[in-house]
N, C-alpha and C. Protein backbone atom coordinates (compact mmCIF):
# COMPACT_ATOMS: atom_id res chain seq x y z
N UNK A 1 -1.81 -63.43 -12.61
CA UNK A 1 -0.50 -63.18 -12.07
C UNK A 1 -0.15 -64.29 -11.08
N UNK A 2 1.09 -64.68 -11.12
CA UNK A 2 1.60 -65.73 -10.25
C UNK A 2 1.84 -65.14 -8.86
N UNK A 3 1.50 -65.88 -7.82
CA UNK A 3 1.75 -65.42 -6.45
C UNK A 3 2.54 -66.47 -5.70
N UNK A 4 3.23 -66.00 -4.68
CA UNK A 4 4.01 -66.90 -3.83
C UNK A 4 3.25 -67.08 -2.53
N UNK A 5 2.98 -68.31 -2.14
CA UNK A 5 2.28 -68.63 -0.90
C UNK A 5 3.31 -68.65 0.22
N UNK A 6 3.29 -67.62 1.07
CA UNK A 6 4.29 -67.48 2.12
C UNK A 6 4.13 -68.54 3.21
N UNK A 7 2.99 -69.20 3.28
CA UNK A 7 2.79 -70.22 4.32
C UNK A 7 3.37 -71.56 3.91
N UNK A 8 3.70 -71.73 2.65
CA UNK A 8 4.24 -72.99 2.16
C UNK A 8 5.67 -72.75 1.68
N UNK A 9 6.65 -73.52 2.16
CA UNK A 9 8.02 -73.29 1.71
C UNK A 9 8.16 -73.54 0.21
N UNK A 10 8.88 -72.65 -0.44
CA UNK A 10 9.12 -72.80 -1.88
C UNK A 10 10.08 -73.96 -2.11
N UNK A 11 9.92 -74.63 -3.23
CA UNK A 11 10.84 -75.70 -3.59
C UNK A 11 12.24 -75.12 -3.72
N UNK A 12 13.23 -75.92 -3.35
CA UNK A 12 14.61 -75.48 -3.48
C UNK A 12 14.93 -75.27 -4.96
N UNK A 13 15.66 -74.21 -5.29
CA UNK A 13 16.00 -74.01 -6.69
C UNK A 13 17.05 -75.02 -7.15
N UNK A 14 16.96 -75.40 -8.41
CA UNK A 14 17.98 -76.24 -9.04
C UNK A 14 18.61 -75.43 -10.16
N UNK A 15 19.86 -75.74 -10.46
CA UNK A 15 20.62 -75.01 -11.46
C UNK A 15 21.08 -75.97 -12.56
N UNK A 16 21.03 -75.48 -13.80
CA UNK A 16 21.54 -76.26 -14.92
C UNK A 16 21.99 -75.31 -16.01
N UNK A 17 22.80 -75.82 -16.92
CA UNK A 17 23.23 -75.03 -18.07
C UNK A 17 22.08 -74.96 -19.07
N UNK A 18 21.88 -73.79 -19.64
CA UNK A 18 20.84 -73.61 -20.65
C UNK A 18 21.25 -74.33 -21.93
N UNK A 19 20.24 -74.71 -22.69
CA UNK A 19 20.45 -75.31 -24.01
C UNK A 19 19.78 -74.41 -25.05
N UNK A 20 20.04 -74.69 -26.31
CA UNK A 20 19.43 -73.91 -27.38
C UNK A 20 17.91 -73.96 -27.30
N UNK A 21 17.36 -75.06 -26.84
CA UNK A 21 15.90 -75.18 -26.73
C UNK A 21 15.31 -74.22 -25.69
N UNK A 22 16.14 -73.73 -24.77
CA UNK A 22 15.69 -72.81 -23.73
C UNK A 22 15.61 -71.35 -24.19
N UNK A 23 16.19 -71.03 -25.33
CA UNK A 23 16.33 -69.63 -25.74
C UNK A 23 15.00 -68.87 -25.75
N UNK A 24 13.93 -69.37 -26.37
CA UNK A 24 12.68 -68.58 -26.36
C UNK A 24 12.16 -68.29 -24.94
N UNK A 25 12.22 -69.28 -24.06
CA UNK A 25 11.76 -69.08 -22.69
C UNK A 25 12.68 -68.13 -21.92
N UNK A 26 13.98 -68.20 -22.18
CA UNK A 26 14.93 -67.28 -21.54
C UNK A 26 14.66 -65.85 -21.96
N UNK A 27 14.45 -65.62 -23.25
CA UNK A 27 14.16 -64.27 -23.74
C UNK A 27 12.90 -63.74 -23.06
N UNK A 28 11.85 -64.55 -23.00
CA UNK A 28 10.60 -64.13 -22.36
C UNK A 28 10.82 -63.81 -20.88
N UNK A 29 11.61 -64.62 -20.18
CA UNK A 29 11.90 -64.40 -18.77
C UNK A 29 12.63 -63.07 -18.58
N UNK A 30 13.68 -62.85 -19.35
CA UNK A 30 14.48 -61.62 -19.23
C UNK A 30 13.63 -60.40 -19.53
N UNK A 31 12.84 -60.46 -20.58
CA UNK A 31 11.96 -59.34 -20.93
C UNK A 31 10.97 -59.06 -19.81
N UNK A 32 10.39 -60.12 -19.23
CA UNK A 32 9.36 -59.94 -18.19
C UNK A 32 9.94 -59.30 -16.93
N UNK A 33 11.22 -59.50 -16.67
CA UNK A 33 11.85 -58.96 -15.47
C UNK A 33 12.25 -57.49 -15.62
N UNK A 34 12.43 -57.02 -16.86
CA UNK A 34 12.98 -55.68 -17.06
C UNK A 34 12.12 -54.72 -17.86
N UNK A 35 11.28 -55.21 -18.75
CA UNK A 35 10.56 -54.31 -19.66
C UNK A 35 9.06 -54.52 -19.58
N UNK A 36 8.35 -53.46 -19.91
CA UNK A 36 6.90 -53.54 -20.02
C UNK A 36 6.20 -53.60 -18.68
N UNK A 37 4.87 -53.64 -18.75
CA UNK A 37 4.05 -53.62 -17.53
C UNK A 37 4.27 -54.84 -16.64
N UNK A 38 4.55 -56.00 -17.24
CA UNK A 38 4.75 -57.20 -16.42
C UNK A 38 5.94 -57.03 -15.48
N UNK A 39 6.94 -56.26 -15.89
CA UNK A 39 8.13 -56.07 -15.06
C UNK A 39 7.84 -55.26 -13.80
N UNK A 40 6.76 -54.50 -13.82
CA UNK A 40 6.43 -53.65 -12.67
C UNK A 40 5.96 -54.46 -11.46
N UNK A 41 5.68 -55.74 -11.64
CA UNK A 41 5.30 -56.60 -10.52
C UNK A 41 6.51 -56.89 -9.63
N UNK A 42 7.71 -56.71 -10.15
CA UNK A 42 8.94 -56.91 -9.39
C UNK A 42 9.62 -55.57 -9.15
N UNK A 43 10.77 -55.60 -8.52
CA UNK A 43 11.47 -54.35 -8.22
C UNK A 43 12.63 -54.07 -9.17
N UNK A 44 12.93 -55.00 -10.10
CA UNK A 44 14.06 -54.80 -11.00
C UNK A 44 13.70 -54.15 -12.32
N UNK A 45 12.48 -53.68 -12.45
CA UNK A 45 12.03 -53.10 -13.71
C UNK A 45 12.91 -51.94 -14.17
N UNK A 46 13.10 -51.87 -15.46
CA UNK A 46 13.77 -50.73 -16.09
C UNK A 46 12.77 -49.97 -16.97
N UNK A 47 11.49 -50.30 -16.82
CA UNK A 47 10.45 -49.76 -17.70
C UNK A 47 10.38 -48.24 -17.68
N UNK A 48 10.76 -47.60 -16.58
CA UNK A 48 10.70 -46.15 -16.52
C UNK A 48 11.89 -45.47 -17.19
N UNK A 49 12.97 -46.20 -17.39
CA UNK A 49 14.15 -45.57 -18.02
C UNK A 49 14.43 -46.10 -19.43
N UNK A 50 13.86 -47.27 -19.76
CA UNK A 50 14.09 -47.86 -21.07
C UNK A 50 12.82 -48.52 -21.60
N UNK A 51 12.53 -48.29 -22.86
CA UNK A 51 11.46 -49.00 -23.54
C UNK A 51 12.09 -49.99 -24.49
N UNK A 52 11.27 -50.59 -25.33
CA UNK A 52 11.80 -51.54 -26.31
C UNK A 52 12.24 -52.83 -25.64
N UNK A 53 13.13 -53.53 -26.28
CA UNK A 53 13.55 -54.85 -25.80
C UNK A 53 14.75 -54.76 -24.87
N UNK A 54 14.90 -55.77 -24.04
CA UNK A 54 16.08 -55.91 -23.15
C UNK A 54 17.12 -56.78 -23.82
N UNK A 55 16.65 -57.78 -24.58
CA UNK A 55 17.53 -58.68 -25.30
C UNK A 55 16.76 -59.26 -26.47
N UNK A 56 17.39 -60.16 -27.19
CA UNK A 56 16.72 -60.80 -28.32
C UNK A 56 17.21 -62.25 -28.43
N UNK A 57 16.53 -63.07 -29.22
CA UNK A 57 16.93 -64.48 -29.33
C UNK A 57 18.38 -64.66 -29.76
N UNK A 58 18.86 -63.82 -30.66
CA UNK A 58 20.24 -63.95 -31.14
C UNK A 58 21.24 -63.69 -30.02
N UNK A 59 20.98 -62.66 -29.22
CA UNK A 59 21.88 -62.35 -28.11
C UNK A 59 21.91 -63.43 -27.05
N UNK A 60 20.74 -63.96 -26.72
CA UNK A 60 20.68 -65.03 -25.72
C UNK A 60 21.31 -66.30 -26.27
N UNK A 61 21.04 -66.62 -27.53
CA UNK A 61 21.64 -67.82 -28.15
C UNK A 61 23.16 -67.72 -28.17
N UNK A 62 23.68 -66.53 -28.40
CA UNK A 62 25.15 -66.35 -28.40
C UNK A 62 25.74 -66.67 -27.04
N UNK A 63 25.03 -66.31 -25.97
CA UNK A 63 25.50 -66.64 -24.62
C UNK A 63 25.40 -68.14 -24.37
N UNK A 64 24.28 -68.72 -24.75
CA UNK A 64 24.04 -70.16 -24.52
C UNK A 64 25.08 -71.01 -25.24
N UNK A 65 25.45 -70.62 -26.44
CA UNK A 65 26.38 -71.44 -27.24
C UNK A 65 27.83 -70.96 -27.19
N UNK A 66 28.09 -69.87 -26.48
CA UNK A 66 29.44 -69.32 -26.42
C UNK A 66 30.44 -70.27 -25.78
N UNK A 67 31.67 -70.22 -26.27
CA UNK A 67 32.72 -71.11 -25.76
C UNK A 67 33.23 -70.73 -24.38
N UNK A 68 33.18 -69.43 -24.05
CA UNK A 68 33.76 -68.97 -22.79
C UNK A 68 32.73 -68.65 -21.72
N UNK A 69 31.53 -69.17 -21.89
CA UNK A 69 30.51 -68.81 -20.93
C UNK A 69 29.46 -69.87 -20.75
N UNK A 70 28.50 -69.49 -19.94
CA UNK A 70 27.40 -70.38 -19.63
C UNK A 70 26.22 -69.51 -19.22
N UNK A 71 25.04 -69.95 -19.62
CA UNK A 71 23.81 -69.34 -19.13
C UNK A 71 23.24 -70.34 -18.14
N UNK A 72 23.15 -69.93 -16.88
CA UNK A 72 22.57 -70.80 -15.86
C UNK A 72 21.06 -70.59 -15.84
N UNK A 73 20.34 -71.69 -15.85
CA UNK A 73 18.89 -71.69 -15.71
C UNK A 73 18.58 -72.12 -14.28
N UNK A 74 17.68 -71.39 -13.64
CA UNK A 74 17.26 -71.71 -12.28
C UNK A 74 15.81 -72.17 -12.36
N UNK A 75 15.56 -73.35 -11.81
CA UNK A 75 14.20 -73.90 -11.85
C UNK A 75 13.72 -74.20 -10.44
N UNK A 76 12.42 -74.10 -10.27
CA UNK A 76 11.74 -74.52 -9.05
C UNK A 76 10.56 -75.36 -9.49
N UNK A 77 10.50 -76.58 -8.99
CA UNK A 77 9.39 -77.44 -9.36
C UNK A 77 9.29 -77.67 -10.86
N UNK A 78 10.43 -77.69 -11.54
CA UNK A 78 10.44 -77.92 -12.99
C UNK A 78 10.12 -76.70 -13.82
N UNK A 79 9.90 -75.55 -13.18
CA UNK A 79 9.58 -74.32 -13.91
C UNK A 79 10.78 -73.37 -13.89
N UNK A 80 11.10 -72.77 -15.05
CA UNK A 80 12.17 -71.79 -15.12
C UNK A 80 11.73 -70.52 -14.39
N UNK A 81 12.50 -70.14 -13.36
CA UNK A 81 12.14 -68.96 -12.58
C UNK A 81 13.21 -67.87 -12.62
N UNK A 82 14.40 -68.20 -13.09
CA UNK A 82 15.47 -67.21 -13.12
C UNK A 82 16.59 -67.69 -14.04
N UNK A 83 17.51 -66.77 -14.34
CA UNK A 83 18.68 -67.12 -15.14
C UNK A 83 19.78 -66.10 -14.89
N UNK A 84 20.99 -66.46 -15.27
CA UNK A 84 22.09 -65.51 -15.27
C UNK A 84 23.17 -65.99 -16.23
N UNK A 85 23.86 -65.03 -16.79
CA UNK A 85 24.98 -65.28 -17.69
C UNK A 85 26.28 -65.26 -16.90
N UNK A 86 27.13 -66.22 -17.17
CA UNK A 86 28.47 -66.25 -16.60
C UNK A 86 29.45 -66.35 -17.76
N UNK A 87 30.46 -65.47 -17.76
CA UNK A 87 31.45 -65.50 -18.84
C UNK A 87 32.85 -65.50 -18.24
N UNK A 88 33.68 -66.42 -18.69
CA UNK A 88 35.06 -66.55 -18.22
C UNK A 88 35.93 -65.55 -18.97
N UNK A 89 36.57 -64.66 -18.25
CA UNK A 89 37.42 -63.63 -18.85
C UNK A 89 38.77 -63.61 -18.16
N UNK A 90 39.52 -64.70 -18.34
CA UNK A 90 40.84 -64.78 -17.73
C UNK A 90 40.76 -65.01 -16.24
N UNK A 91 41.28 -64.06 -15.44
CA UNK A 91 41.29 -64.24 -13.99
C UNK A 91 39.99 -63.83 -13.33
N UNK A 92 39.03 -63.35 -14.11
CA UNK A 92 37.74 -62.96 -13.53
C UNK A 92 36.59 -63.50 -14.37
N UNK A 93 35.41 -63.39 -13.81
CA UNK A 93 34.19 -63.80 -14.52
C UNK A 93 33.26 -62.60 -14.60
N UNK A 94 32.44 -62.60 -15.64
CA UNK A 94 31.44 -61.55 -15.84
C UNK A 94 30.07 -62.14 -15.53
N UNK A 95 29.26 -61.38 -14.81
CA UNK A 95 27.91 -61.78 -14.42
C UNK A 95 26.93 -60.85 -15.12
N UNK A 96 25.99 -61.42 -15.87
CA UNK A 96 25.03 -60.57 -16.59
C UNK A 96 23.73 -61.31 -16.85
N UNK A 97 22.85 -60.65 -17.59
CA UNK A 97 21.54 -61.18 -17.95
C UNK A 97 20.84 -61.85 -16.78
N UNK A 98 20.97 -61.25 -15.62
CA UNK A 98 20.36 -61.79 -14.40
C UNK A 98 18.89 -61.42 -14.38
N UNK A 99 18.03 -62.41 -14.33
CA UNK A 99 16.59 -62.16 -14.32
C UNK A 99 15.89 -63.15 -13.40
N UNK A 100 14.98 -62.64 -12.60
CA UNK A 100 14.12 -63.45 -11.75
C UNK A 100 12.68 -63.07 -12.09
N UNK A 101 11.81 -64.06 -12.22
CA UNK A 101 10.40 -63.77 -12.49
C UNK A 101 9.91 -62.70 -11.52
N UNK A 102 9.24 -61.67 -12.02
CA UNK A 102 8.81 -60.57 -11.14
C UNK A 102 8.04 -61.02 -9.90
N UNK A 103 7.15 -61.98 -10.01
CA UNK A 103 6.36 -62.43 -8.85
C UNK A 103 7.21 -63.15 -7.82
N UNK A 104 8.44 -63.54 -8.18
CA UNK A 104 9.31 -64.26 -7.24
C UNK A 104 10.42 -63.36 -6.69
N UNK A 105 10.43 -62.09 -7.11
CA UNK A 105 11.45 -61.16 -6.61
C UNK A 105 11.14 -60.74 -5.19
N UNK A 106 12.18 -60.42 -4.44
CA UNK A 106 12.01 -59.92 -3.09
C UNK A 106 11.87 -61.00 -2.03
N UNK A 107 12.01 -62.26 -2.40
CA UNK A 107 11.84 -63.35 -1.44
C UNK A 107 13.15 -64.09 -1.15
N UNK A 108 14.29 -63.54 -1.59
CA UNK A 108 15.58 -64.14 -1.28
C UNK A 108 16.18 -65.02 -2.36
N UNK A 109 15.45 -65.28 -3.43
CA UNK A 109 15.98 -66.14 -4.49
C UNK A 109 17.21 -65.53 -5.16
N UNK A 110 17.21 -64.24 -5.38
CA UNK A 110 18.35 -63.58 -6.01
C UNK A 110 19.65 -63.79 -5.25
N UNK A 111 19.59 -63.73 -3.92
CA UNK A 111 20.78 -63.95 -3.08
C UNK A 111 21.32 -65.36 -3.28
N UNK A 112 20.42 -66.32 -3.36
CA UNK A 112 20.82 -67.72 -3.55
C UNK A 112 21.50 -67.88 -4.91
N UNK A 113 20.93 -67.26 -5.93
CA UNK A 113 21.46 -67.40 -7.29
C UNK A 113 22.84 -66.77 -7.41
N UNK A 114 23.00 -65.55 -6.90
CA UNK A 114 24.30 -64.90 -7.05
C UNK A 114 25.37 -65.64 -6.25
N UNK A 115 25.01 -66.20 -5.10
CA UNK A 115 25.98 -66.99 -4.32
C UNK A 115 26.37 -68.24 -5.09
N UNK A 116 25.42 -68.90 -5.73
CA UNK A 116 25.74 -70.09 -6.53
C UNK A 116 26.59 -69.72 -7.73
N UNK A 117 26.29 -68.60 -8.38
CA UNK A 117 27.09 -68.16 -9.53
C UNK A 117 28.53 -67.91 -9.10
N UNK A 118 28.72 -67.26 -7.97
CA UNK A 118 30.07 -66.99 -7.46
C UNK A 118 30.79 -68.29 -7.13
N UNK A 119 30.10 -69.21 -6.46
CA UNK A 119 30.70 -70.50 -6.13
C UNK A 119 31.10 -71.23 -7.40
N UNK A 120 30.24 -71.21 -8.39
CA UNK A 120 30.48 -71.93 -9.63
C UNK A 120 31.71 -71.40 -10.37
N UNK A 121 31.82 -70.08 -10.52
CA UNK A 121 32.96 -69.54 -11.28
C UNK A 121 34.28 -69.75 -10.55
N UNK A 122 34.24 -69.76 -9.20
CA UNK A 122 35.46 -70.08 -8.44
C UNK A 122 35.85 -71.54 -8.67
N UNK A 123 34.87 -72.44 -8.54
CA UNK A 123 35.14 -73.88 -8.62
C UNK A 123 35.50 -74.32 -10.04
N UNK A 124 34.78 -73.84 -11.03
CA UNK A 124 34.97 -74.31 -12.40
C UNK A 124 36.07 -73.57 -13.16
N UNK A 125 36.20 -72.29 -12.92
CA UNK A 125 37.16 -71.49 -13.70
C UNK A 125 38.30 -70.94 -12.86
N UNK A 126 38.23 -71.08 -11.55
CA UNK A 126 39.26 -70.50 -10.69
C UNK A 126 39.22 -68.98 -10.68
N UNK A 127 38.08 -68.39 -11.02
CA UNK A 127 37.95 -66.94 -11.07
C UNK A 127 38.16 -66.35 -9.68
N UNK A 128 38.94 -65.30 -9.63
CA UNK A 128 39.23 -64.64 -8.36
C UNK A 128 38.38 -63.39 -8.14
N UNK A 129 37.61 -63.03 -9.17
CA UNK A 129 36.82 -61.81 -9.08
C UNK A 129 35.60 -61.94 -9.99
N UNK A 130 34.48 -61.37 -9.55
CA UNK A 130 33.28 -61.29 -10.38
C UNK A 130 33.07 -59.83 -10.73
N UNK A 131 32.75 -59.59 -12.01
CA UNK A 131 32.49 -58.23 -12.47
C UNK A 131 31.13 -58.18 -13.14
N UNK A 132 30.54 -57.01 -13.11
CA UNK A 132 29.27 -56.79 -13.80
C UNK A 132 29.16 -55.31 -14.12
N UNK A 133 28.27 -55.00 -15.04
CA UNK A 133 27.96 -53.60 -15.30
C UNK A 133 26.47 -53.40 -15.03
N UNK A 134 26.17 -52.25 -14.41
CA UNK A 134 24.79 -51.91 -14.04
C UNK A 134 24.55 -50.47 -14.48
N UNK A 135 23.36 -50.20 -14.98
CA UNK A 135 23.02 -48.82 -15.33
C UNK A 135 23.13 -47.97 -14.07
N UNK A 136 23.96 -46.94 -14.12
CA UNK A 136 24.27 -46.15 -12.92
C UNK A 136 23.04 -45.48 -12.31
N UNK A 137 22.01 -45.25 -13.08
CA UNK A 137 20.77 -44.65 -12.56
C UNK A 137 19.99 -45.63 -11.69
N UNK A 138 20.35 -46.91 -11.70
CA UNK A 138 19.64 -47.93 -10.93
C UNK A 138 20.22 -48.03 -9.51
N UNK A 139 20.07 -46.98 -8.75
CA UNK A 139 20.64 -46.90 -7.40
C UNK A 139 20.14 -48.03 -6.50
N UNK A 140 18.86 -48.39 -6.61
CA UNK A 140 18.32 -49.47 -5.76
C UNK A 140 18.98 -50.81 -6.08
N UNK A 141 19.20 -51.06 -7.35
CA UNK A 141 19.84 -52.31 -7.76
C UNK A 141 21.31 -52.31 -7.37
N UNK A 142 21.99 -51.20 -7.56
CA UNK A 142 23.40 -51.11 -7.15
C UNK A 142 23.53 -51.33 -5.64
N UNK A 143 22.62 -50.74 -4.88
CA UNK A 143 22.65 -50.93 -3.42
C UNK A 143 22.47 -52.41 -3.06
N UNK A 144 21.60 -53.12 -3.79
CA UNK A 144 21.40 -54.55 -3.55
C UNK A 144 22.71 -55.31 -3.79
N UNK A 145 23.39 -55.00 -4.89
CA UNK A 145 24.68 -55.66 -5.17
C UNK A 145 25.73 -55.28 -4.12
N UNK A 146 25.73 -54.04 -3.66
CA UNK A 146 26.68 -53.64 -2.62
C UNK A 146 26.46 -54.46 -1.35
N UNK A 147 25.22 -54.74 -1.02
CA UNK A 147 24.95 -55.58 0.16
C UNK A 147 25.43 -57.01 -0.03
N UNK A 148 25.68 -57.42 -1.24
CA UNK A 148 26.23 -58.74 -1.56
C UNK A 148 27.75 -58.70 -1.70
N UNK A 149 28.37 -57.56 -1.42
CA UNK A 149 29.83 -57.46 -1.44
C UNK A 149 30.43 -56.85 -2.69
N UNK A 150 29.62 -56.36 -3.60
CA UNK A 150 30.14 -55.72 -4.82
C UNK A 150 30.44 -54.26 -4.54
N UNK A 151 31.51 -53.75 -5.15
CA UNK A 151 31.93 -52.37 -4.94
C UNK A 151 31.82 -51.59 -6.25
N UNK A 152 31.36 -50.37 -6.12
CA UNK A 152 31.32 -49.46 -7.27
C UNK A 152 32.76 -49.06 -7.58
N UNK A 153 33.08 -49.02 -8.85
CA UNK A 153 34.44 -48.64 -9.25
C UNK A 153 34.51 -47.22 -9.77
N UNK A 154 33.37 -46.64 -10.15
CA UNK A 154 33.39 -45.32 -10.77
C UNK A 154 33.76 -45.39 -12.24
N UNK A 155 34.09 -46.60 -12.71
CA UNK A 155 34.45 -46.78 -14.13
C UNK A 155 33.17 -46.90 -14.95
N UNK A 156 32.96 -45.94 -15.83
CA UNK A 156 31.72 -45.85 -16.60
C UNK A 156 31.96 -46.17 -18.07
N UNK A 157 30.95 -46.76 -18.68
CA UNK A 157 30.95 -46.94 -20.14
C UNK A 157 29.61 -46.40 -20.64
N UNK A 158 29.63 -45.83 -21.83
CA UNK A 158 28.40 -45.22 -22.33
C UNK A 158 27.32 -46.24 -22.67
N UNK A 159 26.07 -45.83 -22.50
CA UNK A 159 24.96 -46.65 -22.96
C UNK A 159 24.97 -46.60 -24.49
N UNK A 160 24.64 -47.72 -25.16
CA UNK A 160 24.68 -47.73 -26.63
C UNK A 160 23.45 -47.05 -27.26
N UNK A 161 23.38 -45.72 -27.09
CA UNK A 161 22.27 -44.97 -27.68
C UNK A 161 22.25 -45.22 -29.18
N UNK A 162 21.05 -45.39 -29.71
CA UNK A 162 20.89 -45.62 -31.15
C UNK A 162 20.89 -47.08 -31.53
N UNK A 163 21.26 -47.98 -30.61
CA UNK A 163 21.24 -49.42 -30.90
C UNK A 163 20.06 -50.02 -30.13
N UNK A 164 18.93 -50.15 -30.81
CA UNK A 164 17.70 -50.56 -30.14
C UNK A 164 17.70 -52.01 -29.69
N UNK A 165 18.77 -52.77 -30.00
CA UNK A 165 18.88 -54.13 -29.45
C UNK A 165 18.96 -54.10 -27.94
N UNK A 166 19.37 -52.96 -27.38
CA UNK A 166 19.55 -52.83 -25.93
C UNK A 166 18.47 -51.98 -25.29
N UNK A 167 17.47 -51.58 -26.06
CA UNK A 167 16.38 -50.79 -25.53
C UNK A 167 16.34 -49.41 -26.12
N UNK A 168 15.23 -48.73 -25.84
CA UNK A 168 15.02 -47.37 -26.30
C UNK A 168 15.05 -46.47 -25.06
N UNK A 169 16.11 -45.69 -24.90
CA UNK A 169 16.25 -44.86 -23.69
C UNK A 169 15.14 -43.83 -23.56
N UNK A 170 14.69 -43.64 -22.32
CA UNK A 170 13.68 -42.63 -22.00
C UNK A 170 14.33 -41.42 -21.34
N UNK A 171 15.66 -41.47 -21.19
CA UNK A 171 16.41 -40.35 -20.63
C UNK A 171 17.79 -40.29 -21.27
N UNK A 172 18.44 -39.13 -21.18
CA UNK A 172 19.69 -38.89 -21.90
C UNK A 172 20.95 -39.13 -21.06
N UNK A 173 20.81 -39.57 -19.81
CA UNK A 173 21.98 -39.67 -18.92
C UNK A 173 22.36 -41.10 -18.58
N UNK A 174 22.00 -42.06 -19.41
CA UNK A 174 22.26 -43.46 -19.08
C UNK A 174 23.71 -43.85 -19.39
N UNK A 175 24.30 -44.58 -18.46
CA UNK A 175 25.63 -45.15 -18.64
C UNK A 175 25.74 -46.35 -17.71
N UNK A 176 26.73 -47.18 -17.96
CA UNK A 176 26.95 -48.38 -17.15
C UNK A 176 28.12 -48.15 -16.21
N UNK A 177 27.98 -48.64 -14.98
CA UNK A 177 29.08 -48.60 -14.03
C UNK A 177 29.55 -50.01 -13.76
N UNK A 178 30.86 -50.18 -13.70
CA UNK A 178 31.47 -51.47 -13.39
C UNK A 178 31.43 -51.69 -11.89
N UNK A 179 30.88 -52.86 -11.48
CA UNK A 179 30.91 -53.30 -10.09
C UNK A 179 31.80 -54.53 -10.00
N UNK A 180 32.54 -54.66 -8.91
CA UNK A 180 33.52 -55.72 -8.77
C UNK A 180 33.44 -56.32 -7.36
N UNK A 181 33.64 -57.66 -7.30
CA UNK A 181 33.69 -58.35 -6.01
C UNK A 181 34.82 -59.38 -6.05
N UNK A 182 35.76 -59.30 -5.09
CA UNK A 182 36.77 -60.34 -4.98
C UNK A 182 36.09 -61.65 -4.54
N UNK A 183 36.57 -62.76 -5.05
CA UNK A 183 35.96 -64.05 -4.73
C UNK A 183 36.91 -64.93 -3.92
N UNK A 184 37.37 -64.42 -2.81
CA UNK A 184 38.17 -65.22 -1.88
C UNK A 184 39.06 -66.13 -2.49
């Protein structure tokens, strides 16, 4: 297991657009952050509420090659440590597929990434708002986003039960809530 040496400052993260060659590593990163035993090393695990896969190569490739979006790769010391999806949707942007290596969670990297994503969509697309959907049962994750300025809207969409591309639910009450943040 990878560990972070708290006595040595971590390398500053760098950001770049993902390429098709990154897809296998991106899928592995996203899976490691959300599913299976490896995800339990971090705090973003969904392993207790969902089994199966979080994403697949086709879904990640669609984001990487999509015309209205970008998959940001975050690297430290030349190693991929995180990623996020940004999609331009008119006057707002959508934030998704956010994953940080479990061993690097809880050390402030997520805050840096979301701030860069917000800066990027304002500068590149003129987006005035960032939106995302989060499984409503993930109260700890929603609270983290609220501390970053995102507001719960109460607008829910059903979880795609029966479509195993998004996981195998371990409970019957899953749904997504829309979170929104104005971007100055």
